[in-house]
Amino acid sequence: RLENIQPLLKPGRFDAANDTFTLKESGQTVPLNSASSAFLQ
């Protein structure tokens, strides 16, 4: 069931000023909003 899965975020860096998360390995930047940021952290 989706609600029982324990998500594990890959290593990366949150940038609060730009509301983004950048993956360490690939350098890919994921845009976030407040709900996304609170969840992913």
PDB file of all heavy atoms in Angstrom:
ATOM      1  N   ARG A   1       0.855  -1.182   0.000  1.00  0.00           N
ATOM      2  CA  ARG A   1       0.000   0.000   0.000  1.00  0.00           C
ATOM      3  C   ARG A   1       0.894   1.235   0.000  1.00  0.00           C
ATOM      4  O   ARG A   1       1.896   1.291   0.702  1.00  0.00           O
ATOM      5  CB  ARG A   1      -0.908  -0.012   1.220  1.00  0.00           C
ATOM      6  CG  ARG A   1      -1.930  -1.138   1.167  1.00  0.00           C
ATOM      7  CD  ARG A   1      -2.817  -1.105   2.381  1.00  0.00           C
ATOM      8  NE  ARG A   1      -3.484   0.158   2.534  1.00  0.00           N
ATOM      9  CZ  ARG A   1      -4.746   0.402   2.173  1.00  0.00           C
ATOM     10  NH1 ARG A   1      -5.454  -0.546   1.644  1.00  0.00           N
ATOM     11  NH2 ARG A   1      -5.296   1.585   2.365  1.00  0.00           N
ATOM     12  N   LEU A   2       0.512   2.231  -0.762  1.00  0.00           N
ATOM     13  CA  LEU A   2       1.311   3.432  -0.945  1.00  0.00           C
ATOM     14  C   LEU A   2       1.618   4.125   0.375  1.00  0.00           C
ATOM     15  O   LEU A   2       2.752   4.527   0.632  1.00  0.00           O
ATOM     16  CB  LEU A   2       0.600   4.398  -1.896  1.00  0.00           C
ATOM     17  CG  LEU A   2       1.321   5.690  -2.214  1.00  0.00           C
ATOM     18  CD1 LEU A   2       2.628   5.413  -2.946  1.00  0.00           C
ATOM     19  CD2 LEU A   2       0.450   6.608  -3.042  1.00  0.00           C
ATOM     20  N   GLU A   3       0.640   4.221   1.256  1.00  0.00           N
ATOM     21  CA  GLU A   3       0.844   4.964   2.506  1.00  0.00           C
ATOM     22  C   GLU A   3       1.818   4.282   3.461  1.00  0.00           C
ATOM     23  O   GLU A   3       2.338   4.902   4.379  1.00  0.00           O
ATOM     24  CB  GLU A   3      -0.486   5.254   3.212  1.00  0.00           C
ATOM     25  CG  GLU A   3      -1.215   4.033   3.711  1.00  0.00           C
ATOM     26  CD  GLU A   3      -2.203   3.458   2.717  1.00  0.00           C
ATOM     27  OE1 GLU A   3      -2.140   3.786   1.527  1.00  0.00           O
ATOM     28  OE2 GLU A   3      -3.046   2.653   3.147  1.00  0.00           O
ATOM     29  N   ASN A   4       2.094   2.980   3.247  1.00  0.00           N
ATOM     30  CA  ASN A   4       2.995   2.246   4.135  1.00  0.00           C
ATOM     31  C   ASN A   4       4.443   2.201   3.646  1.00  0.00           C
ATOM     32  O   ASN A   4       5.316   1.718   4.359  1.00  0.00           O
ATOM     33  CB  ASN A   4       2.490   0.818   4.331  1.00  0.00           C
ATOM     34  CG  ASN A   4       1.154   0.803   5.051  1.00  0.00           C
ATOM     35  OD1 ASN A   4       0.849   1.679   5.846  1.00  0.00           O
ATOM     36  ND2 ASN A   4       0.334  -0.174   4.745  1.00  0.00           N
ATOM     37  N   ILE A   5       4.698   2.699   2.444  1.00  0.00           N
ATOM     38  CA  ILE A   5       6.053   2.689   1.900  1.00  0.00           C
ATOM     39  C   ILE A   5       6.897   3.750   2.598  1.00  0.00           C
ATOM     40  O   ILE A   5       6.423   4.834   2.907  1.00  0.00           O
ATOM     41  CB  ILE A   5       6.022   2.928   0.375  1.00  0.00           C
ATOM     42  CG1 ILE A   5       5.342   1.733  -0.295  1.00  0.00           C
ATOM     43  CG2 ILE A   5       7.412   3.151  -0.187  1.00  0.00           C
ATOM     44  CD1 ILE A   5       5.169   1.882  -1.779  1.00  0.00           C
ATOM     45  N   GLN A   6       8.150   3.416   2.846  1.00  0.00           N
ATOM     46  CA  GLN A   6       9.083   4.335   3.496  1.00  0.00           C
ATOM     47  C   GLN A   6      10.029   4.909   2.439  1.00  0.00           C
ATOM     48  O   GLN A   6      11.033   4.299   2.102  1.00  0.00           O
ATOM     49  CB  GLN A   6       9.864   3.610   4.582  1.00  0.00           C
ATOM     50  CG  GLN A   6       8.971   3.054   5.661  1.00  0.00           C
ATOM     51  CD  GLN A   6       9.692   2.120   6.606  1.00  0.00           C
ATOM     52  OE1 GLN A   6      10.653   1.472   6.230  1.00  0.00           O
ATOM     53  NE2 GLN A   6       9.210   2.049   7.828  1.00  0.00           N
ATOM     54  N   PRO A   7       9.702   6.095   1.892  1.00  0.00           N
ATOM     55  CA  PRO A   7      10.536   6.652   0.823  1.00  0.00           C
ATOM     56  C   PRO A   7      11.896   7.099   1.342  1.00  0.00           C
ATOM     57  O   PRO A   7      12.007   7.647   2.428  1.00  0.00           O
ATOM     58  CB  PRO A   7       9.723   7.844   0.315  1.00  0.00           C
ATOM     59  CG  PRO A   7       8.886   8.245   1.475  1.00  0.00           C
ATOM     60  CD  PRO A   7       8.610   6.985   2.246  1.00  0.00           C
ATOM     61  N   LEU A   8      12.930   6.819   0.549  1.00  0.00           N
ATOM     62  CA  LEU A   8      14.293   7.197   0.903  1.00  0.00           C
ATOM     63  C   LEU A   8      14.843   8.092  -0.195  1.00  0.00           C
ATOM     64  O   LEU A   8      15.061   7.650  -1.324  1.00  0.00           O
ATOM     65  CB  LEU A   8      15.170   5.955   1.075  1.00  0.00           C
ATOM     66  CG  LEU A   8      16.622   6.193   1.464  1.00  0.00           C
ATOM     67  CD1 LEU A   8      16.718   6.990   2.763  1.00  0.00           C
ATOM     68  CD2 LEU A   8      17.352   4.883   1.608  1.00  0.00           C
ATOM     69  N   LEU A   9      15.032   9.343   0.136  1.00  0.00           N
ATOM     70  CA  LEU A   9      15.506  10.339  -0.823  1.00  0.00           C
ATOM     71  C   LEU A   9      16.977  10.105  -1.134  1.00  0.00           C
ATOM     72  O   LEU A   9      17.766   9.806  -0.245  1.00  0.00           O
ATOM     73  CB  LEU A   9      15.311  11.730  -0.205  1.00  0.00           C
ATOM     74  CG  LEU A   9      15.296  12.936  -1.112  1.00  0.00           C
ATOM     75  CD1 LEU A   9      14.206  12.827  -2.155  1.00  0.00           C
ATOM     76  CD2 LEU A   9      15.088  14.195  -0.289  1.00  0.00           C
ATOM     77  N   LYS A  10      17.333  10.228  -2.411  1.00  0.00           N
ATOM     78  CA  LYS A  10      18.739  10.112  -2.797  1.00  0.00           C
ATOM     79  C   LYS A  10      19.494  11.333  -2.267  1.00  0.00           C
ATOM     80  O   LYS A  10      18.895  12.378  -2.020  1.00  0.00           O
ATOM     81  CB  LYS A  10      18.857  10.053  -4.323  1.00  0.00           C
ATOM     82  CG  LYS A  10      18.416   8.737  -4.917  1.00  0.00           C
ATOM     83  CD  LYS A  10      18.643   8.718  -6.409  1.00  0.00           C
ATOM     84  CE  LYS A  10      18.295   7.368  -6.993  1.00  0.00           C
ATOM     85  NZ  LYS A  10      18.471   7.351  -8.458  1.00  0.00           N
ATOM     86  N   PRO A  11      20.808  11.231  -2.090  1.00  0.00           N
ATOM     87  CA  PRO A  11      21.584  12.377  -1.598  1.00  0.00           C
ATOM     88  C   PRO A  11      21.448  13.587  -2.521  1.00  0.00           C
ATOM     89  O   PRO A  11      21.442  13.456  -3.736  1.00  0.00           O
ATOM     90  CB  PRO A  11      23.026  11.861  -1.598  1.00  0.00           C
ATOM     91  CG  PRO A  11      22.914  10.375  -1.583  1.00  0.00           C
ATOM     92  CD  PRO A  11      21.641  10.044  -2.292  1.00  0.00           C
ATOM     93  N   GLY A  12      21.306  14.734  -1.892  1.00  0.00           N
ATOM     94  CA  GLY A  12      21.157  15.963  -2.658  1.00  0.00           C
ATOM     95  C   GLY A  12      21.148  17.164  -1.732  1.00  0.00           C
ATOM     96  O   GLY A  12      21.404  17.049  -0.534  1.00  0.00           O
ATOM     97  N   ARG A  13      20.827  18.315  -2.308  1.00  0.00           N
ATOM     98  CA  ARG A  13      20.859  19.565  -1.543  1.00  0.00           C
ATOM     99  C   ARG A  13      19.579  20.354  -1.773  1.00  0.00           C
ATOM    100  O   ARG A  13      19.148  20.543  -2.908  1.00  0.00           O
ATOM    101  CB  ARG A  13      22.066  20.388  -2.000  1.00  0.00           C
ATOM    102  CG  ARG A  13      22.284  21.669  -1.258  1.00  0.00           C
ATOM    103  CD  ARG A  13      23.556  22.381  -1.697  1.00  0.00           C
ATOM    104  NE  ARG A  13      23.709  22.497  -3.130  1.00  0.00           N
ATOM    105  CZ  ARG A  13      23.180  23.473  -3.875  1.00  0.00           C
ATOM    106  NH1 ARG A  13      22.474  24.418  -3.312  1.00  0.00           N
ATOM    107  NH2 ARG A  13      23.371  23.502  -5.186  1.00  0.00           N
ATOM    108  N   PHE A  14      18.974  20.805  -0.679  1.00  0.00           N
ATOM    109  CA  PHE A  14      17.808  21.672  -0.746  1.00  0.00           C
ATOM    110  C   PHE A  14      18.274  23.116  -0.838  1.00  0.00           C
ATOM    111  O   PHE A  14      19.174  23.529  -0.108  1.00  0.00           O
ATOM    112  CB  PHE A  14      16.923  21.514   0.500  1.00  0.00           C
ATOM    113  CG  PHE A  14      16.114  20.259   0.506  1.00  0.00           C
ATOM    114  CD1 PHE A  14      16.553  19.132   1.175  1.00  0.00           C
ATOM    115  CD2 PHE A  14      14.909  20.196  -0.173  1.00  0.00           C
ATOM    116  CE1 PHE A  14      15.813  17.968   1.178  1.00  0.00           C
ATOM    117  CE2 PHE A  14      14.156  19.033  -0.180  1.00  0.00           C
ATOM    118  CZ  PHE A  14      14.612  17.923   0.499  1.00  0.00           C
ATOM    119  N   ASP A  15      17.654  23.885  -1.718  1.00  0.00           N
ATOM    120  CA  ASP A  15      17.941  25.303  -1.845  1.00  0.00           C
ATOM    121  C   ASP A  15      16.665  26.057  -1.509  1.00  0.00           C
ATOM    122  O   ASP A  15      15.745  26.148  -2.336  1.00  0.00           O
ATOM    123  CB  ASP A  15      18.409  25.633  -3.266  1.00  0.00           C
ATOM    124  CG  ASP A  15      18.826  27.076  -3.429  1.00  0.00           C
ATOM    125  OD1 ASP A  15      18.748  27.849  -2.452  1.00  0.00           O
ATOM    126  OD2 ASP A  15      19.244  27.437  -4.556  1.00  0.00           O
ATOM    127  N   ALA A  16      16.588  26.599  -0.291  1.00  0.00           N
ATOM    128  CA  ALA A  16      15.382  27.274   0.173  1.00  0.00           C
ATOM    129  C   ALA A  16      15.118  28.564  -0.593  1.00  0.00           C
ATOM    130  O   ALA A  16      13.965  28.950  -0.804  1.00  0.00           O
ATOM    131  CB  ALA A  16      15.491  27.560   1.665  1.00  0.00           C
ATOM    132  N   ALA A  17      16.167  29.246  -1.013  1.00  0.00           N
ATOM    133  CA  ALA A  17      16.006  30.516  -1.724  1.00  0.00           C
ATOM    134  C   ALA A  17      15.323  30.317  -3.080  1.00  0.00           C
ATOM    135  O   ALA A  17      14.487  31.119  -3.487  1.00  0.00           O
ATOM    136  CB  ALA A  17      17.363  31.182  -1.916  1.00  0.00           C
ATOM    137  N   ASN A  18      15.683  29.230  -3.776  1.00  0.00           N
ATOM    138  CA  ASN A  18      15.113  28.975  -5.103  1.00  0.00           C
ATOM    139  C   ASN A  18      14.024  27.904  -5.096  1.00  0.00           C
ATOM    140  O   ASN A  18      13.493  27.563  -6.149  1.00  0.00           O
ATOM    141  CB  ASN A  18      16.222  28.545  -6.075  1.00  0.00           C
ATOM    142  CG  ASN A  18      17.234  29.628  -6.286  1.00  0.00           C
ATOM    143  OD1 ASN A  18      16.895  30.812  -6.328  1.00  0.00           O
ATOM    144  ND2 ASN A  18      18.494  29.245  -6.413  1.00  0.00           N
ATOM    145  N   ASP A  19      13.703  27.362  -3.933  1.00  0.00           N
ATOM    146  CA  ASP A  19      12.725  26.283  -3.802  1.00  0.00           C
ATOM    147  C   ASP A  19      13.024  25.134  -4.761  1.00  0.00           C
ATOM    148  O   ASP A  19      12.200  24.734  -5.581  1.00  0.00           O
ATOM    149  CB  ASP A  19      11.303  26.794  -4.032  1.00  0.00           C
ATOM    150  CG  ASP A  19      10.798  27.625  -2.876  1.00  0.00           C
ATOM    151  OD1 ASP A  19      11.230  27.385  -1.746  1.00  0.00           O
ATOM    152  OD2 ASP A  19       9.969  28.535  -3.111  1.00  0.00           O
ATOM    153  N   THR A  20      14.225  24.563  -4.619  1.00  0.00           N
ATOM    154  CA  THR A  20      14.637  23.447  -5.463  1.00  0.00           C
ATOM    155  C   THR A  20      15.363  22.396  -4.643  1.00  0.00           C
ATOM    156  O   THR A  20      15.828  22.666  -3.537  1.00  0.00           O
ATOM    157  CB  THR A  20      15.581  23.904  -6.605  1.00  0.00           C
ATOM    158  OG1 THR A  20      16.738  24.504  -6.027  1.00  0.00           O
ATOM    159  CG2 THR A  20      14.890  24.852  -7.553  1.00  0.00           C
ATOM    160  N   PHE A  21      15.436  21.201  -5.209  1.00  0.00           N
ATOM    161  CA  PHE A  21      16.238  20.116  -4.653  1.00  0.00           C
ATOM    162  C   PHE A  21      17.139  19.629  -5.776  1.00  0.00           C
ATOM    163  O   PHE A  21      16.662  19.300  -6.868  1.00  0.00           O
ATOM    164  CB  PHE A  21      15.351  18.970  -4.146  1.00  0.00           C
ATOM    165  CG  PHE A  21      16.118  17.778  -3.677  1.00  0.00           C
ATOM    166  CD1 PHE A  21      16.825  17.817  -2.480  1.00  0.00           C
ATOM    167  CD2 PHE A  21      16.152  16.614  -4.429  1.00  0.00           C
ATOM    168  CE1 PHE A  21      17.545  16.714  -2.047  1.00  0.00           C
ATOM    169  CE2 PHE A  21      16.856  15.503  -3.999  1.00  0.00           C
ATOM    170  CZ  PHE A  21      17.551  15.555  -2.803  1.00  0.00           C
ATOM    171  N   THR A  22      18.451  19.601  -5.542  1.00  0.00           N
ATOM    172  CA  THR A  22      19.411  19.179  -6.559  1.00  0.00           C
ATOM    173  C   THR A  22      20.028  17.852  -6.147  1.00  0.00           C
ATOM    174  O   THR A  22      20.602  17.744  -5.061  1.00  0.00           O
ATOM    175  CB  THR A  22      20.518  20.237  -6.745  1.00  0.00           C
ATOM    176  OG1 THR A  22      19.898  21.499  -7.001  1.00  0.00           O
ATOM    177  CG2 THR A  22      21.432  19.877  -7.886  1.00  0.00           C
ATOM    178  N   LEU A  23      19.889  16.856  -7.025  1.00  0.00           N
ATOM    179  CA  LEU A  23      20.470  15.545  -6.764  1.00  0.00           C
ATOM    180  C   LEU A  23      21.983  15.617  -6.880  1.00  0.00           C
ATOM    181  O   LEU A  23      22.519  16.251  -7.795  1.00  0.00           O
ATOM    182  CB  LEU A  23      19.927  14.516  -7.752  1.00  0.00           C
ATOM    183  CG  LEU A  23      18.467  14.136  -7.553  1.00  0.00           C
ATOM    184  CD1 LEU A  23      17.941  13.379  -8.755  1.00  0.00           C
ATOM    185  CD2 LEU A  23      18.305  13.306  -6.307  1.00  0.00           C
ATOM    186  N   LYS A  24      22.670  14.976  -5.942  1.00  0.00           N
ATOM    187  CA  LYS A  24      24.136  15.022  -5.886  1.00  0.00           C
ATOM    188  C   LYS A  24      24.777  14.302  -7.073  1.00  0.00           C
ATOM    189  O   LYS A  24      25.684  14.826  -7.699  1.00  0.00           O
ATOM    190  CB  LYS A  24      24.605  14.412  -4.567  1.00  0.00           C
ATOM    191  CG  LYS A  24      26.070  14.542  -4.297  1.00  0.00           C
ATOM    192  CD  LYS A  24      26.409  13.979  -2.930  1.00  0.00           C
ATOM    193  CE  LYS A  24      27.884  14.160  -2.619  1.00  0.00           C
ATOM    194  NZ  LYS A  24      28.212  13.647  -1.284  1.00  0.00           N
ATOM    195  N   GLU A  25      24.276  13.089  -7.374  1.00  0.00           N
ATOM    196  CA  GLU A  25      24.881  12.269  -8.431  1.00  0.00           C
ATOM    197  C   GLU A  25      24.696  12.861  -9.828  1.00  0.00           C
ATOM    198  O   GLU A  25      25.650  13.040 -10.564  1.00  0.00           O
ATOM    199  CB  GLU A  25      24.302  10.858  -8.404  1.00  0.00           C
ATOM    200  CG  GLU A  25      24.723  10.051  -7.218  1.00  0.00           C
ATOM    201  CD  GLU A  25      24.064   8.675  -7.207  1.00  0.00           C
ATOM    202  OE1 GLU A  25      23.324   8.344  -8.146  1.00  0.00           O
ATOM    203  OE2 GLU A  25      24.287   7.944  -6.241  1.00  0.00           O
ATOM    204  N   SER A  26      23.442  13.145 -10.180  1.00  0.00           N
ATOM    205  CA  SER A  26      23.147  13.566 -11.547  1.00  0.00           C
ATOM    206  C   SER A  26      23.149  15.080 -11.738  1.00  0.00           C
ATOM    207  O   SER A  26      23.216  15.557 -12.862  1.00  0.00           O
ATOM    208  CB  SER A  26      21.787  13.014 -11.986  1.00  0.00           C
ATOM    209  OG  SER A  26      20.756  13.572 -11.191  1.00  0.00           O
ATOM    210  N   GLY A  27      23.038  15.825 -10.650  1.00  0.00           N
ATOM    211  CA  GLY A  27      22.969  17.277 -10.752  1.00  0.00           C
ATOM    212  C   GLY A  27      21.603  17.771 -11.206  1.00  0.00           C
ATOM    213  O   GLY A  27      21.408  18.963 -11.447  1.00  0.00           O
ATOM    214  N   GLN A  28      20.647  16.870 -11.306  1.00  0.00           N
ATOM    215  CA  GLN A  28      19.291  17.214 -11.724  1.00  0.00           C
ATOM    216  C   GLN A  28      18.626  18.083 -10.663  1.00  0.00           C
ATOM    217  O   GLN A  28      18.718  17.808  -9.472  1.00  0.00           O
ATOM    218  CB  GLN A  28      18.485  15.933 -11.943  1.00  0.00           C
ATOM    219  CG  GLN A  28      17.061  16.142 -12.336  1.00  0.00           C
ATOM    220  CD  GLN A  28      16.311  14.826 -12.445  1.00  0.00           C
ATOM    221  OE1 GLN A  28      16.861  13.753 -12.182  1.00  0.00           O
ATOM    222  NE2 GLN A  28      15.060  14.899 -12.816  1.00  0.00           N
ATOM    223  N   THR A  29      17.949  19.138 -11.113  1.00  0.00           N
ATOM    224  CA  THR A  29      17.265  20.043 -10.193  1.00  0.00           C
ATOM    225  C   THR A  29      15.766  19.814 -10.272  1.00  0.00           C
ATOM    226  O   THR A  29      15.187  19.799 -11.356  1.00  0.00           O
ATOM    227  CB  THR A  29      17.591  21.509 -10.545  1.00  0.00           C
ATOM    228  OG1 THR A  29      19.003  21.681 -10.461  1.00  0.00           O
ATOM    229  CG2 THR A  29      16.922  22.465  -9.580  1.00  0.00           C
ATOM    230  N   VAL A  30      15.143  19.619  -9.101  1.00  0.00           N
ATOM    231  CA  VAL A  30      13.711  19.378  -9.008  1.00  0.00           C
ATOM    232  C   VAL A  30      13.061  20.603  -8.367  1.00  0.00           C
ATOM    233  O   VAL A  30      13.391  20.958  -7.236  1.00  0.00           O
ATOM    234  CB  VAL A  30      13.422  18.123  -8.150  1.00  0.00           C
ATOM    235  CG1 VAL A  30      11.941  17.877  -8.034  1.00  0.00           C
ATOM    236  CG2 VAL A  30      14.143  16.917  -8.703  1.00  0.00           C
ATOM    237  N   PRO A  31      12.133  21.280  -9.079  1.00  0.00           N
ATOM    238  CA  PRO A  31      11.450  22.437  -8.487  1.00  0.00           C
ATOM    239  C   PRO A  31      10.486  21.983  -7.390  1.00  0.00           C
ATOM    240  O   PRO A  31       9.846  20.941  -7.504  1.00  0.00           O
ATOM    241  CB  PRO A  31      10.697  23.056  -9.663  1.00  0.00           C
ATOM    242  CG  PRO A  31      10.551  21.961 -10.664  1.00  0.00           C
ATOM    243  CD  PRO A  31      11.691  21.021 -10.452  1.00  0.00           C
ATOM    244  N   LEU A  32      10.395  22.781  -6.333  1.00  0.00           N
ATOM    245  CA  LEU A  32       9.544  22.445  -5.186  1.00  0.00           C
ATOM    246  C   LEU A  32       8.632  23.610  -4.833  1.00  0.00           C
ATOM    247  O   LEU A  32       8.859  24.739  -5.228  1.00  0.00           O
ATOM    248  CB  LEU A  32      10.407  22.116  -3.969  1.00  0.00           C
ATOM    249  CG  LEU A  32      11.439  21.004  -4.106  1.00  0.00           C
ATOM    250  CD1 LEU A  32      12.284  20.931  -2.853  1.00  0.00           C
ATOM    251  CD2 LEU A  32      10.755  19.683  -4.360  1.00  0.00           C
ATOM    252  N   ASN A  33       7.611  23.305  -4.032  1.00  0.00           N
ATOM    253  CA  ASN A  33       6.809  24.326  -3.372  1.00  0.00           C
ATOM    254  C   ASN A  33       6.856  24.014  -1.884  1.00  0.00           C
ATOM    255  O   ASN A  33       7.546  23.093  -1.469  1.00  0.00           O
ATOM    256  CB  ASN A  33       5.380  24.342  -3.934  1.00  0.00           C
ATOM    257  CG  ASN A  33       4.727  22.985  -3.868  1.00  0.00           C
ATOM    258  OD1 ASN A  33       5.008  22.203  -2.970  1.00  0.00           O
ATOM    259  ND2 ASN A  33       3.870  22.681  -4.813  1.00  0.00           N
ATOM    260  N   SER A  34       6.136  24.739  -1.081  1.00  0.00           N
ATOM    261  CA  SER A  34       6.256  24.553   0.375  1.00  0.00           C
ATOM    262  C   SER A  34       5.846  23.150   0.819  1.00  0.00           C
ATOM    263  O   SER A  34       6.504  22.537   1.654  1.00  0.00           O
ATOM    264  CB  SER A  34       5.433  25.600   1.117  1.00  0.00           C
ATOM    265  OG  SER A  34       4.061  25.461   0.807  1.00  0.00           O
ATOM    266  N   ALA A  35       4.758  22.608   0.257  1.00  0.00           N
ATOM    267  CA  ALA A  35       4.309  21.261   0.636  1.00  0.00           C
ATOM    268  C   ALA A  35       5.322  20.216   0.195  1.00  0.00           C
ATOM    269  O   ALA A  35       5.642  19.296   0.946  1.00  0.00           O
ATOM    270  CB  ALA A  35       2.944  20.965   0.026  1.00  0.00           C
ATOM    271  N   SER A  36       5.844  20.364  -1.009  1.00  0.00           N
ATOM    272  CA  SER A  36       6.830  19.420  -1.527  1.00  0.00           C
ATOM    273  C   SER A  36       8.092  19.432  -0.684  1.00  0.00           C
ATOM    274  O   SER A  36       8.637  18.393  -0.340  1.00  0.00           O
ATOM    275  CB  SER A  36       7.208  19.774  -2.966  1.00  0.00           C
ATOM    276  OG  SER A  36       6.091  19.795  -3.789  1.00  0.00           O
ATOM    277  N   SER A  37       8.540  20.611  -0.363  1.00  0.00           N
ATOM    278  CA  SER A  37       9.763  20.759   0.421  1.00  0.00           C
ATOM    279  C   SER A  37       9.605  20.139   1.810  1.00  0.00           C
ATOM    280  O   SER A  37      10.469  19.401   2.274  1.00  0.00           O
ATOM    281  CB  SER A  37      10.123  22.234   0.535  1.00  0.00           C
ATOM    282  OG  SER A  37      11.308  22.392   1.252  1.00  0.00           O
ATOM    283  N   ALA A  38       8.491  20.435   2.458  1.00  0.00           N
ATOM    284  CA  ALA A  38       8.236  19.885   3.792  1.00  0.00           C
ATOM    285  C   ALA A  38       8.178  18.366   3.754  1.00  0.00           C
ATOM    286  O   ALA A  38       8.682  17.689   4.646  1.00  0.00           O
ATOM    287  CB  ALA A  38       6.933  20.451   4.344  1.00  0.00           C
ATOM    288  N   PHE A  39       7.582  17.804   2.705  1.00  0.00           N
ATOM    289  CA  PHE A  39       7.464  16.360   2.569  1.00  0.00           C
ATOM    290  C   PHE A  39       8.824  15.724   2.301  1.00  0.00           C
ATOM    291  O   PHE A  39       9.227  14.787   2.979  1.00  0.00           O
ATOM    292  CB  PHE A  39       6.483  16.014   1.445  1.00  0.00           C
ATOM    293  CG  PHE A  39       6.330  14.543   1.205  1.00  0.00           C
ATOM    294  CD1 PHE A  39       5.430  13.798   1.948  1.00  0.00           C
ATOM    295  CD2 PHE A  39       7.082  13.901   0.235  1.00  0.00           C
ATOM    296  CE1 PHE A  39       5.283  12.439   1.731  1.00  0.00           C
ATOM    297  CE2 PHE A  39       6.943  12.540   0.009  1.00  0.00           C
ATOM    298  CZ  PHE A  39       6.042  11.816   0.763  1.00  0.00           C
ATOM    299  N   LEU A  40       9.538  16.239   1.299  1.00  0.00           N
ATOM    300  CA  LEU A  40      10.805  15.626   0.893  1.00  0.00           C
ATOM    301  C   LEU A  40      11.876  15.693   1.972  1.00  0.00           C
ATOM    302  O   LEU A  40      12.710  14.799   2.077  1.00  0.00           O
ATOM    303  CB  LEU A  40      11.316  16.261  -0.398  1.00  0.00           C
ATOM    304  CG  LEU A  40      10.528  15.909  -1.662  1.00  0.00           C
ATOM    305  CD1 LEU A  40      11.096  16.638  -2.866  1.00  0.00           C
ATOM    306  CD2 LEU A  40      10.520  14.415  -1.906  1.00  0.00           C
ATOM    307  N   GLN A  41      11.872  16.734   2.785  1.00  0.00           N
ATOM    308  CA  GLN A  41      12.878  16.848   3.830  1.00  0.00           C
ATOM    309  C   GLN A  41      12.715  15.772   4.900  1.00  0.00           C
ATOM    310  O   GLN A  41      13.640  15.505   5.661  1.00  0.00           O
ATOM    311  CB  GLN A  41      12.831  18.244   4.458  1.00  0.00           C
ATOM    312  CG  GLN A  41      13.368  19.303   3.529  1.00  0.00           C
ATOM    313  CD  GLN A  41      13.301  20.693   4.127  1.00  0.00           C
ATOM    314  OE1 GLN A  41      13.130  20.857   5.333  1.00  0.00           O
ATOM    315  NE2 GLN A  41      13.446  21.692   3.284  1.00  0.00           N
TER     316      GLN A  41
END
